[in-house]
Amino acid sequence: MKNVTPPNLNPTLRLFIKLTAIVTIAIVVLIVAAFLLKIVLVAAVLAAVGVGGFLIYNLIRRRSNFPVIR
């Protein structure tokens, strides 16, 4: 990683700038992860409703009043 701070900068100020950049990147990563997690949860709920509806449809469709000949 290229050093973007000037070489004549106070070491404490340099550390502060680096820590601020790290915290900012961490916050952005957490926000993006939360957004993606919402999308994944909505997709999982929709898939569960779809599969559940399909299974209930098949359960109702298979029931009949005719006797089963085996």
Protein backbone atom coordinates (compact mmCIF):
# COMPACT_ATOMS: atom_id res chain seq x y z
CA MET A 1 0.00 0.00 0.00
CA LYS A 2 1.40 3.37 -1.01
CA ASN A 3 2.12 5.84 1.78
CA VAL A 4 -0.06 8.88 1.04
CA THR A 5 0.92 10.93 4.09
CA PRO A 6 3.81 13.40 3.73
CA PRO A 7 7.09 12.26 5.32
CA ASN A 8 7.44 15.40 7.50
CA LEU A 9 4.13 14.74 9.30
CA ASN A 10 3.98 14.31 13.08
CA PRO A 11 3.97 10.55 13.92
CA THR A 12 0.91 10.94 16.15
CA LEU A 13 -1.02 12.72 13.41
CA ARG A 14 0.04 10.03 10.92
CA LEU A 15 -1.25 7.33 13.29
CA PHE A 16 -4.51 9.24 13.76
CA ILE A 17 -5.04 9.50 9.99
CA LYS A 18 -4.35 5.78 9.50
CA LEU A 19 -6.70 4.77 12.33
CA THR A 20 -9.41 7.09 10.99
CA ALA A 21 -9.08 5.51 7.55
CA ILE A 22 -9.28 1.99 9.03
CA VAL A 23 -12.38 2.82 11.10
CA THR A 24 -14.03 4.46 8.07
CA ILE A 25 -13.38 1.41 5.91
CA ALA A 26 -14.73 -0.88 8.66
CA ILE A 27 -17.94 1.15 8.95
CA VAL A 28 -18.47 1.08 5.17
CA VAL A 29 -17.89 -2.69 5.10
CA LEU A 30 -20.44 -3.19 7.90
CA ILE A 31 -23.05 -1.08 6.09
CA VAL A 32 -22.53 -3.00 2.84
CA ALA A 33 -22.67 -6.34 4.68
CA ALA A 34 -25.93 -5.35 6.40
CA PHE A 35 -27.45 -4.35 3.04
CA LEU A 36 -26.42 -7.66 1.46
CA LEU A 37 -27.71 -9.59 4.47
CA LYS A 38 -31.13 -7.95 4.05
CA ILE A 39 -31.22 -9.07 0.43
CA VAL A 40 -30.25 -12.63 1.39
CA LEU A 41 -32.90 -12.78 4.14
CA VAL A 42 -35.65 -11.52 1.82
CA ALA A 43 -34.61 -14.08 -0.82
CA ALA A 44 -34.64 -16.87 1.79
CA VAL A 45 -38.12 -15.91 3.01
CA LEU A 46 -39.46 -15.77 -0.55
CA ALA A 47 -37.91 -19.17 -1.34
CA ALA A 48 -39.38 -20.68 1.85
CA VAL A 49 -42.85 -19.34 1.03
CA GLY A 50 -42.57 -20.66 -2.52
CA VAL A 51 -41.44 -24.13 -1.48
CA GLY A 52 -44.06 -24.26 1.28
CA GLY A 53 -46.80 -23.27 -1.14
CA PHE A 54 -45.64 -25.91 -3.61
CA LEU A 55 -45.64 -28.62 -0.93
CA ILE A 56 -49.12 -27.66 0.29
CA TYR A 57 -50.37 -27.63 -3.31
CA ASN A 58 -49.00 -31.13 -3.87
CA LEU A 59 -50.48 -32.36 -0.57
CA ILE A 60 -53.96 -31.11 -1.52
CA ARG A 61 -53.66 -32.36 -5.08
CA ARG A 62 -52.75 -35.91 -4.04
CA ARG A 63 -55.75 -36.37 -1.77
CA SER A 64 -58.70 -37.97 -3.47
CA ASN A 65 -61.88 -39.75 -2.44
CA PHE A 66 -61.22 -42.72 -4.69
CA PRO A 67 -59.87 -45.90 -3.11
CA VAL A 68 -56.30 -46.74 -3.84
CA ILE A 69 -55.84 -50.04 -5.71
CA ARG A 70 -52.52 -51.71 -4.98
